[in-house]
Amino acid sequence: MASPSRIEADYLIETAFDPRAAAEAMAGEQSSGTFVPIPGETPELKERSAARIETLEVIEEEVSEPSLPGAGRPKGEASIRRARVTLSWPIDNVGPSLPNLMATVAGNLFELRQFSGLRLLDIRLPDVFARTYGGPKFGVPGTRRLAGVEGRPIVGTIVKPSVGFGPQETADLTKLLCEAGIDFIKDDELQSDGPGCPFDERVRAVMRVINAHADRTGKKVMFAFNLTGEIDQMRRRHDFVLKEGGTCIMASLNSVGLVGMIELGRFTELPIHAHRNGWGYLSRAPLLGWSYVAWQKIWRLAGADHMHVNGLSNKFSEADDSVIASARACLTPLFDDKPCLTMPVFSSGQSAKQAPGTYAALGSADLIFAAGGGIMAHPDGPAAGVASLREAWDAAMTRVPLADYAKDHAALARALETYAA
C-alpha cells in the first residue's frame, strides 16, 4: 500500500456546469485561487501550491432534479450531471496537520454555487501524517488484553435508561451485568457529569463493583466512562478513572472536536471508545457531507481505539452494506508501517439474530458487539441474554445455522423467539 506524496481526496459531485470547470472551481477555492483571477497567483505559485485534478469521471449524464437547494445554473439549457473527481494538494500547503487537513479537504467547497451535490468519499495521506500522529494506543490487541477476551467478539451493553440513574443505581446495574458474564459496558452518550449522576461518584461506585468482581473471578469487566467535556475536564476525568482502576474511557467525537480528540489521544493511558453521535448530520443526505470511509481515518489518526459503526438491521436509517463498509474500513491499515487499526463497535437494536450476518459480511471477530435490549430484555434475564449472544457468535463462527445451534442451547433458543420480529 504505497503512500501518496500529495494529499488526495475523492469526491462525488453533482453540477449543472461542465464537470471539469466545476472541479477546477473546487481546486481553486481549496488552494491558491478565488472567484476571480488575482495578480499574485502566478504560474510559478500555481505550480507550487495549487490543487490538481487527478481524475474525473462522469458517472451520470442526466439527473432530473438538483439534490440540494441554492446551486447555480449556467445560462441556457444545461443537464445536471454527477461525476467522481480526485483532487490532490502538496503537503507543503498545510503540513501534517489534521485540523488544517479538514479545512482543505472538507472546507468551503460544500458551499460552492457550482454544486447541487458534493460528498467526500475517501482520503489518502502521505506518511508524514503517520509520523506526526500517534493513532490508537490500544486498538484491537490492547482492548482484547484489557478485556480478557480472545478469539471471539467482545460482548457488551449500554447503561439503560440512558439518563436518570444515579451513581448507586448505575453500580447496581453494573453488578448485575458483571455477574451475568458481560465483557464490556459503556455509559450512554447522554450521561457524563450531570448533577443527578456526578462523574466522580459514578466512577467510584462502578469501579468498586468491577474491582470486587475481578478480585473474586479474575475477570475485569471493561467499562467505558463518558468523560466528554472540555480538555482540562477530560484530562482530570481520565486521571480519576485510571486511579480507580478503570480500563476504558469514552468521548463523543463531534462534541469534543478534532483538537479535543487529538489532545485526549496524546495524554490517555486508557483505550478511547469513540462515539459518533451526530454522524447523521454529516452523512444522511447522499449528495452531501462525508463517507464514513473518509471520516473514520481522521479520528483513527487522532487516537480512537474503538469507533461506532451502527449495526445490521439497526434502528436507524443506515443500510447494512454501509455498516459493513464502515467496519471494514476501521480494520483496514492506514499506512504500511503504522496500521492504526481501530476496533469497530456494532450497536443499535442488536441481538443474537444479527451475529451470523455480521460475521459473514465482515469476516472477522475483531469487534465489540453491544446489545442493550438484546441482553436486558431476554425473558430469562441478563445472564441468559449474555449467553445467547455468545452462543449466537459460536454458531456464526462455526457456520452452524442459528436454528440448528439453538436446539441444544436454551438461551439462544429463547432469544430467537423473543427477537424474531
Protein backbone atom coordinates (compact mmCIF):
# COMPACT_ATOMS: atom_id res chain seq x y z
CA MET A 1 0.00 0.00 0.00
CA ALA A 2 2.10 2.87 -1.30
CA SER A 3 1.65 6.21 0.44
CA PRO A 4 0.90 9.16 -1.85
CA SER A 5 3.35 12.05 -1.98
CA ARG A 6 0.44 14.51 -2.01
CA ILE A 7 -2.80 14.69 -0.05
CA GLU A 8 -5.55 13.08 -2.14
CA ALA A 9 -9.33 13.23 -1.75
CA ASP A 10 -12.10 11.58 -3.75
CA TYR A 11 -15.48 13.28 -4.17
CA LEU A 12 -18.88 12.61 -5.65
CA ILE A 13 -20.11 15.83 -7.28
CA GLU A 14 -23.39 16.91 -8.86
CA THR A 15 -23.40 20.00 -11.07
CA ALA A 16 -25.24 21.73 -13.90
CA PHE A 17 -21.93 23.22 -15.05
CA ASP A 18 -19.26 21.49 -17.07
CA PRO A 19 -17.93 18.96 -14.53
CA ARG A 20 -14.30 19.80 -15.23
CA ALA A 21 -14.92 23.52 -14.83
CA ALA A 22 -16.75 22.80 -11.57
CA ALA A 23 -13.87 20.63 -10.34
CA GLU A 24 -11.45 23.42 -11.22
CA ALA A 25 -13.52 25.76 -9.04
CA MET A 26 -13.16 23.25 -6.18
CA ALA A 27 -9.42 23.04 -6.68
CA GLY A 28 -9.01 26.80 -6.82
CA GLU A 29 -11.23 27.52 -3.81
CA GLN A 30 -9.38 25.00 -1.67
CA SER A 31 -5.85 26.06 -2.61
CA SER A 32 -4.38 29.14 -4.28
CA GLY A 33 -7.39 30.60 -6.14
CA THR A 34 -10.57 32.55 -5.52
CA PHE A 35 -13.64 33.56 -7.55
CA VAL A 36 -11.65 35.84 -9.92
CA PRO A 37 -8.04 35.79 -11.16
CA ILE A 38 -5.71 37.66 -8.83
CA PRO A 39 -2.29 39.16 -9.61
CA GLY A 40 -0.39 37.18 -7.01
CA GLU A 41 -1.42 33.78 -8.35
CA THR A 42 1.45 33.44 -10.78
CA PRO A 43 2.10 30.33 -12.85
CA GLU A 44 5.04 29.58 -10.56
CA LEU A 45 2.86 29.82 -7.44
CA LYS A 46 0.16 27.64 -9.00
CA GLU A 47 2.72 25.02 -9.94
CA ARG A 48 3.96 25.03 -6.36
CA SER A 49 0.71 25.29 -4.39
CA ALA A 50 -2.44 24.79 -6.45
CA ALA A 51 -4.63 21.74 -6.05
CA ARG A 52 -4.70 19.42 -9.05
CA ILE A 53 -7.48 17.44 -10.65
CA GLU A 54 -6.04 13.92 -10.74
CA THR A 55 -9.06 12.09 -12.20
CA LEU A 56 -12.58 12.99 -13.29
CA GLU A 57 -15.22 10.50 -14.44
CA VAL A 58 -18.80 11.41 -15.34
CA ILE A 59 -20.99 8.63 -13.93
CA GLU A 60 -24.49 10.00 -14.62
CA GLU A 61 -25.35 12.24 -17.57
CA GLU A 62 -28.89 13.32 -16.72
CA VAL A 63 -30.19 13.99 -13.21
CA SER A 64 -33.81 15.13 -13.13
CA GLU A 65 -33.65 17.46 -10.11
CA PRO A 66 -30.83 19.06 -8.10
CA SER A 67 -30.19 17.24 -4.84
CA LEU A 68 -29.54 20.40 -2.81
CA PRO A 69 -31.02 23.91 -2.92
CA GLY A 70 -29.14 27.06 -3.79
CA ALA A 71 -26.99 25.78 -6.64
CA GLY A 72 -26.34 27.96 -9.66
CA ARG A 73 -27.02 27.06 -13.28
CA PRO A 74 -25.27 28.28 -16.42
CA LYS A 75 -27.24 30.31 -18.97
CA GLY A 76 -29.31 28.25 -21.38
CA GLU A 77 -30.23 24.60 -21.11
CA ALA A 78 -27.87 22.50 -19.05
CA SER A 79 -28.03 18.94 -17.85
CA ILE A 80 -27.29 18.15 -14.23
CA ARG A 81 -24.53 15.56 -14.15
CA ARG A 82 -22.79 13.54 -11.50
CA ALA A 83 -19.11 12.69 -11.53
CA ARG A 84 -16.34 11.29 -9.38
CA VAL A 85 -13.34 13.53 -9.03
CA THR A 86 -10.00 13.18 -7.25
CA LEU A 87 -8.16 16.29 -6.15
CA SER A 88 -4.65 16.45 -4.72
CA TRP A 89 -2.70 19.05 -2.77
CA PRO A 90 1.00 19.42 -1.99
CA ILE A 91 1.73 18.57 1.62
CA ASP A 92 3.61 21.88 1.92
CA ASN A 93 0.30 23.78 1.79
CA VAL A 94 -0.79 22.67 5.26
CA GLY A 95 1.88 20.35 6.63
CA PRO A 96 0.93 17.21 8.57
CA SER A 97 -1.90 18.92 10.47
CA LEU A 98 -5.24 17.17 10.89
CA PRO A 99 -7.17 20.38 11.71
CA ASN A 100 -5.83 22.11 8.62
CA LEU A 101 -6.31 18.99 6.54
CA MET A 102 -10.01 19.18 7.46
CA ALA A 103 -10.18 22.80 6.30
CA THR A 104 -8.59 21.78 3.00
CA VAL A 105 -10.49 18.62 2.02
CA ALA A 106 -13.82 19.50 3.69
CA GLY A 107 -13.99 23.27 3.89
CA ASN A 108 -15.80 25.87 1.80
CA LEU A 109 -16.20 23.59 -1.18
CA PHE A 110 -19.55 22.31 0.18
CA GLU A 111 -20.95 25.83 -0.26
CA LEU A 112 -19.83 26.49 -3.84
CA ARG A 113 -22.69 27.56 -6.13
CA GLN A 114 -21.46 25.26 -8.89
CA PHE A 115 -22.67 22.22 -6.96
CA SER A 116 -26.08 20.80 -6.16
CA GLY A 117 -24.33 17.87 -4.50
CA LEU A 118 -20.87 17.22 -3.11
CA ARG A 119 -19.71 14.37 -0.89
CA LEU A 120 -16.23 13.45 0.36
CA LEU A 121 -15.72 9.75 -0.34
CA ASP A 122 -12.15 8.97 0.71
CA ILE A 123 -8.79 10.48 1.57
CA ARG A 124 -5.19 9.26 1.25
CA LEU A 125 -2.37 10.84 3.18
CA PRO A 126 1.42 10.97 2.94
CA ASP A 127 3.42 9.01 5.51
CA VAL A 128 4.35 12.19 7.36
CA PHE A 129 0.88 12.10 8.98
CA ALA A 130 1.73 8.71 10.49
CA ARG A 131 4.91 10.15 11.96
CA THR A 132 3.07 13.17 13.38
CA TYR A 133 0.04 11.49 14.98
CA GLY A 134 0.12 8.57 17.37
CA GLY A 135 -3.04 6.82 16.25
CA PRO A 136 -4.74 4.35 18.60
CA LYS A 137 -2.57 3.32 21.54
CA PHE A 138 -4.50 0.12 22.21
CA GLY A 139 -6.64 -0.76 19.17
CA VAL A 140 -7.68 -4.38 18.77
CA PRO A 141 -4.86 -6.19 20.64
CA GLY A 142 -4.75 -3.79 23.60
CA THR A 143 -8.50 -3.82 24.00
CA ARG A 144 -8.58 -7.62 23.93
CA ARG A 145 -5.81 -7.79 26.51
CA LEU A 146 -7.55 -5.44 28.93
CA ALA A 147 -10.96 -7.05 28.44
CA GLY A 148 -9.54 -10.57 28.71
CA VAL A 149 -11.29 -11.73 25.54
CA GLU A 150 -9.58 -13.57 22.68
CA GLY A 151 -10.88 -15.42 19.65
CA ARG A 152 -14.41 -14.02 19.68
CA PRO A 153 -16.20 -10.67 19.68
CA ILE A 154 -16.27 -8.64 22.88
CA VAL A 155 -19.87 -8.81 24.11
CA GLY A 156 -21.06 -5.54 25.56
CA THR A 157 -24.01 -3.43 26.55
CA ILE A 158 -25.04 0.15 27.32
CA VAL A 159 -26.31 1.55 30.60
CA LYS A 160 -30.05 1.98 30.14
CA PRO A 161 -32.07 4.01 30.86
CA SER A 162 -29.70 6.44 29.17
CA VAL A 163 -30.10 9.03 31.91
CA GLY A 164 -31.97 9.04 35.20
CA PHE A 165 -29.86 6.61 37.21
CA GLY A 166 -27.66 7.95 39.97
CA PRO A 167 -24.23 6.52 40.82
CA GLN A 168 -25.51 3.72 43.04
CA GLU A 169 -28.19 2.62 40.59
CA THR A 170 -25.55 2.54 37.85
CA ALA A 171 -23.32 0.46 40.11
CA ASP A 172 -26.18 -1.92 40.92
CA LEU A 173 -26.81 -2.47 37.21
CA THR A 174 -23.08 -2.98 36.66
CA LYS A 175 -23.04 -5.65 39.38
CA LEU A 176 -25.93 -7.46 37.70
CA LEU A 177 -24.16 -7.36 34.34
CA CYS A 178 -20.81 -8.47 35.77
CA GLU A 179 -22.50 -11.47 37.34
CA ALA A 180 -24.20 -12.15 34.00
CA GLY A 181 -20.77 -12.57 32.38
CA ILE A 182 -20.61 -9.37 30.33
CA ASP A 183 -17.27 -8.29 28.81
CA PHE A 184 -17.90 -4.60 28.24
CA ILE A 185 -20.26 -1.88 29.49
CA LYS A 186 -20.47 1.72 28.35
CA ASP A 187 -22.14 4.87 29.56
CA ASP A 188 -24.79 6.19 27.23
CA GLU A 189 -23.50 9.24 25.36
CA LEU A 190 -26.13 11.37 27.14
CA GLN A 191 -24.61 10.60 30.53
CA SER A 192 -21.44 12.41 31.50
CA ASP A 193 -21.25 14.64 34.60
CA GLY A 194 -24.69 16.00 35.42
CA PRO A 195 -25.79 16.84 38.96
CA GLY A 196 -28.02 13.76 39.01
CA CYS A 197 -25.08 11.42 38.34
CA PRO A 198 -21.75 13.14 39.01
CA PHE A 199 -18.81 11.64 37.11
CA ASP A 200 -16.53 11.01 40.08
CA GLU A 201 -19.26 9.44 42.20
CA ARG A 202 -20.34 7.21 39.31
CA VAL A 203 -16.81 6.06 38.58
CA ARG A 204 -16.11 5.37 42.23
CA ALA A 205 -19.32 3.36 42.71
CA VAL A 206 -18.98 1.40 39.47
CA MET A 207 -15.29 0.59 39.92
CA ARG A 208 -15.93 -0.62 43.45
CA VAL A 209 -18.22 -3.25 41.90
CA ILE A 210 -15.92 -4.08 38.97
CA ASN A 211 -12.81 -4.37 41.12
CA ALA A 212 -14.58 -6.61 43.63
CA HIS A 213 -15.83 -8.83 40.82
CA ALA A 214 -12.32 -9.03 39.38
CA ASP A 215 -10.91 -9.98 42.77
CA ARG A 216 -13.43 -12.83 43.05
CA THR A 217 -13.32 -14.13 39.47
CA GLY A 218 -10.16 -12.87 37.81
CA LYS A 219 -12.23 -11.18 35.08
CA LYS A 220 -12.18 -7.39 34.97
CA VAL A 221 -15.13 -6.05 33.02
CA MET A 222 -14.25 -3.10 30.79
CA PHE A 223 -16.42 -0.04 31.45
CA ALA A 224 -16.21 2.96 29.07
CA PHE A 225 -16.85 6.04 31.21
CA ASN A 226 -18.08 9.03 29.21
CA LEU A 227 -15.65 11.84 30.01
CA THR A 228 -16.80 14.14 27.18
CA GLY A 229 -16.11 17.75 28.15
CA GLU A 230 -13.56 20.50 27.79
CA ILE A 231 -9.92 19.45 27.53
CA ASP A 232 -8.97 20.15 31.14
CA GLN A 233 -12.11 18.35 32.33
CA MET A 234 -11.32 15.33 30.17
CA ARG A 235 -7.76 15.17 31.47
CA ARG A 236 -8.91 15.26 35.09
CA ARG A 237 -11.67 12.71 34.49
CA HIS A 238 -9.26 10.41 32.66
CA ASP A 239 -6.83 10.56 35.57
CA PHE A 240 -9.61 9.74 38.01
CA VAL A 241 -10.74 6.68 36.02
CA LEU A 242 -7.13 5.49 35.84
CA LYS A 243 -6.66 5.97 39.60
CA GLU A 244 -9.81 3.99 40.38
CA GLY A 245 -8.62 1.07 38.23
CA GLY A 246 -10.77 1.67 35.16
CA THR A 247 -9.73 0.27 31.79
CA CYS A 248 -11.58 2.46 29.26
CA ILE A 249 -12.85 5.98 28.63
CA MET A 250 -15.39 7.27 26.12
CA ALA A 251 -15.66 10.54 24.20
CA SER A 252 -18.25 11.88 21.77
CA LEU A 253 -16.24 12.83 18.69
CA ASN A 254 -18.47 15.57 17.31
CA SER A 255 -18.80 17.13 20.76
CA VAL A 256 -15.12 17.29 21.75
CA GLY A 257 -13.99 18.17 18.24
CA LEU A 258 -10.85 17.20 16.42
CA VAL A 259 -8.41 19.16 18.59
CA GLY A 260 -10.04 17.80 21.74
CA MET A 261 -9.68 14.26 20.43
CA ILE A 262 -6.06 14.80 19.41
CA GLU A 263 -5.21 16.04 22.90
CA LEU A 264 -7.12 13.19 24.55
CA GLY A 265 -5.25 10.74 22.33
CA ARG A 266 -1.92 12.20 23.39
CA PHE A 267 -2.40 12.04 27.14
CA THR A 268 -4.60 8.97 27.54
CA GLU A 269 -3.29 5.85 29.23
CA LEU A 270 -6.56 4.02 28.54
CA PRO A 271 -8.37 2.91 25.38
CA ILE A 272 -10.62 5.58 23.87
CA HIS A 273 -14.12 4.41 23.00
CA ALA A 274 -15.11 6.94 20.33
CA HIS A 275 -18.83 7.57 19.90
CA ARG A 276 -20.03 9.02 16.63
CA ASN A 277 -23.34 10.56 17.84
CA GLY A 278 -24.29 13.30 15.40
CA TRP A 279 -22.94 11.30 12.47
CA GLY A 280 -26.29 11.57 10.69
CA TYR A 281 -25.98 15.30 10.09
CA LEU A 282 -22.70 14.68 8.28
CA SER A 283 -23.87 11.77 6.19
CA ARG A 284 -27.58 11.17 5.80
CA ALA A 285 -28.06 13.26 2.64
CA PRO A 286 -26.46 11.05 -0.03
CA LEU A 287 -25.12 14.01 -2.04
CA LEU A 288 -23.71 15.99 0.88
CA GLY A 289 -21.14 15.56 3.61
CA TRP A 290 -18.85 12.64 4.31
CA SER A 291 -18.48 8.97 3.63
CA TYR A 292 -17.61 7.12 6.84
CA VAL A 293 -14.66 5.58 4.99
CA ALA A 294 -13.06 9.03 4.80
CA TRP A 295 -14.27 10.35 8.16
CA GLN A 296 -13.02 7.49 10.32
CA LYS A 297 -9.46 7.91 9.06
CA ILE A 298 -9.20 11.33 10.71
CA TRP A 299 -10.31 10.04 14.12
CA ARG A 300 -8.17 6.91 13.97
CA LEU A 301 -5.07 9.02 13.43
CA ALA A 302 -6.18 11.24 16.31
CA GLY A 303 -6.24 8.20 18.61
CA ALA A 304 -9.62 6.42 18.58
CA ASP A 305 -9.27 2.80 19.73
CA HIS A 306 -12.94 1.86 19.18
CA MET A 307 -15.37 3.50 16.73
CA HIS A 308 -19.10 3.04 16.42
CA VAL A 309 -20.30 1.77 13.04
CA ASN A 310 -24.02 1.14 13.78
CA GLY A 311 -25.28 -2.45 13.32
CA LEU A 312 -27.11 -4.71 10.91
CA SER A 313 -30.91 -4.35 10.84
CA ASN A 314 -30.45 -1.32 13.07
CA LYS A 315 -33.00 1.12 14.49
CA PHE A 316 -31.59 3.98 12.42
CA SER A 317 -31.71 4.72 8.70
CA GLU A 318 -28.37 3.24 7.60
CA ALA A 319 -28.31 0.31 5.19
CA ASP A 320 -26.48 -2.89 6.11
CA ASP A 321 -23.91 -2.61 3.32
CA SER A 322 -22.92 0.84 4.60
CA VAL A 323 -22.49 -0.52 8.14
CA ILE A 324 -20.21 -3.30 6.94
CA ALA A 325 -18.19 -0.95 4.73
CA SER A 326 -17.64 1.25 7.80
CA ALA A 327 -16.49 -1.67 9.94
CA ARG A 328 -14.14 -2.97 7.25
CA ALA A 329 -12.65 0.49 6.93
CA CYS A 330 -11.79 0.54 10.66
CA LEU A 331 -9.92 -2.75 10.23
CA THR A 332 -8.05 -1.63 7.10
CA PRO A 333 -4.48 -0.34 7.64
CA LEU A 334 -3.89 3.36 7.03
CA PHE A 335 -0.16 3.05 6.35
CA ASP A 336 2.24 0.19 5.62
CA ASP A 337 4.38 0.80 8.70
CA LYS A 338 1.60 2.04 11.00
CA PRO A 339 -1.68 0.20 10.52
CA CYS A 340 -3.67 2.25 13.11
CA LEU A 341 -6.37 -0.43 13.31
CA THR A 342 -9.43 0.52 15.32
CA MET A 343 -11.98 -1.92 16.73
CA PRO A 344 -15.44 -1.40 15.19
CA VAL A 345 -18.38 -1.24 17.60
CA PHE A 346 -21.68 -2.73 16.42
CA SER A 347 -24.70 -1.39 18.29
CA SER A 348 -28.27 -0.14 17.74
CA GLY A 349 -31.01 -2.74 18.04
CA GLN A 350 -28.60 -5.69 18.15
CA SER A 351 -29.43 -9.15 19.48
CA ALA A 352 -28.44 -12.76 18.88
CA LYS A 353 -30.14 -12.79 15.49
CA GLN A 354 -27.60 -10.41 13.84
CA ALA A 355 -24.48 -12.44 14.70
CA PRO A 356 -24.34 -14.71 11.62
CA GLY A 357 -24.93 -11.92 9.13
CA THR A 358 -22.39 -9.67 10.82
CA TYR A 359 -19.68 -12.33 10.86
CA ALA A 360 -20.37 -13.50 7.30
CA ALA A 361 -20.20 -9.95 5.94
CA LEU A 362 -17.24 -8.70 8.00
CA GLY A 363 -15.20 -11.92 8.02
CA SER A 364 -13.66 -11.03 11.37
CA ALA A 365 -14.40 -11.40 15.07
CA ASP A 366 -12.42 -8.25 15.91
CA LEU A 367 -15.38 -6.19 17.08
CA ILE A 368 -17.40 -5.08 20.07
CA PHE A 369 -20.99 -6.29 19.82
CA ALA A 370 -23.04 -4.04 22.09
CA ALA A 371 -26.65 -5.02 22.78
CA GLY A 372 -28.93 -3.22 25.21
CA GLY A 373 -32.37 -4.77 24.86
CA GLY A 374 -30.71 -7.82 23.30
CA ILE A 375 -29.35 -8.58 26.77
CA MET A 376 -31.60 -6.85 29.27
CA ALA A 377 -34.89 -7.86 27.62
CA HIS A 378 -34.08 -11.57 27.39
CA PRO A 379 -37.04 -13.35 29.05
CA ASP A 380 -34.74 -15.39 31.28
CA GLY A 381 -32.72 -12.41 32.46
CA PRO A 382 -29.44 -10.67 31.61
CA ALA A 383 -27.25 -13.74 32.18
CA ALA A 384 -29.26 -15.61 29.58
CA GLY A 385 -29.05 -12.53 27.33
CA VAL A 386 -25.26 -12.56 27.51
CA ALA A 387 -25.21 -16.34 27.00
CA SER A 388 -27.47 -16.03 23.95
CA LEU A 389 -25.04 -13.62 22.30
CA ARG A 390 -22.04 -15.84 22.97
CA GLU A 391 -23.95 -18.86 21.65
CA ALA A 392 -25.02 -16.92 18.57
CA TRP A 393 -21.43 -15.95 17.86
CA ASP A 394 -20.21 -19.52 18.45
CA ALA A 395 -22.76 -20.63 15.85
CA ALA A 396 -21.79 -17.88 13.44
CA MET A 397 -18.06 -18.58 13.68
CA THR A 398 -18.55 -22.32 13.16
CA ARG A 399 -21.00 -21.70 10.29
CA VAL A 400 -23.85 -23.54 12.03
CA PRO A 401 -27.34 -22.09 11.36
CA LEU A 402 -28.76 -20.38 14.43
CA ALA A 403 -31.88 -22.51 14.42
CA ASP A 404 -29.80 -25.69 14.49
CA TYR A 405 -27.47 -24.42 17.19
CA ALA A 406 -30.43 -23.30 19.28
CA LYS A 407 -31.72 -26.87 19.57
CA ASP A 408 -29.05 -27.56 22.20
CA HIS A 409 -28.68 -24.01 23.60
CA ALA A 410 -31.66 -22.78 25.57
CA ALA A 411 -30.59 -19.15 25.96
CA LEU A 412 -30.18 -18.78 22.21
CA ALA A 413 -33.48 -20.53 21.52
CA ARG A 414 -35.35 -18.14 23.81
CA ALA A 415 -33.59 -15.15 22.26
CA LEU A 416 -34.60 -16.19 18.75
CA GLU A 417 -38.21 -16.44 19.92
CA THR A 418 -38.06 -13.06 21.66
CA TYR A 419 -36.33 -11.07 18.93
CA ALA A 420 -37.92 -12.77 15.93
CA ALA A 421 -39.70 -9.64 14.64
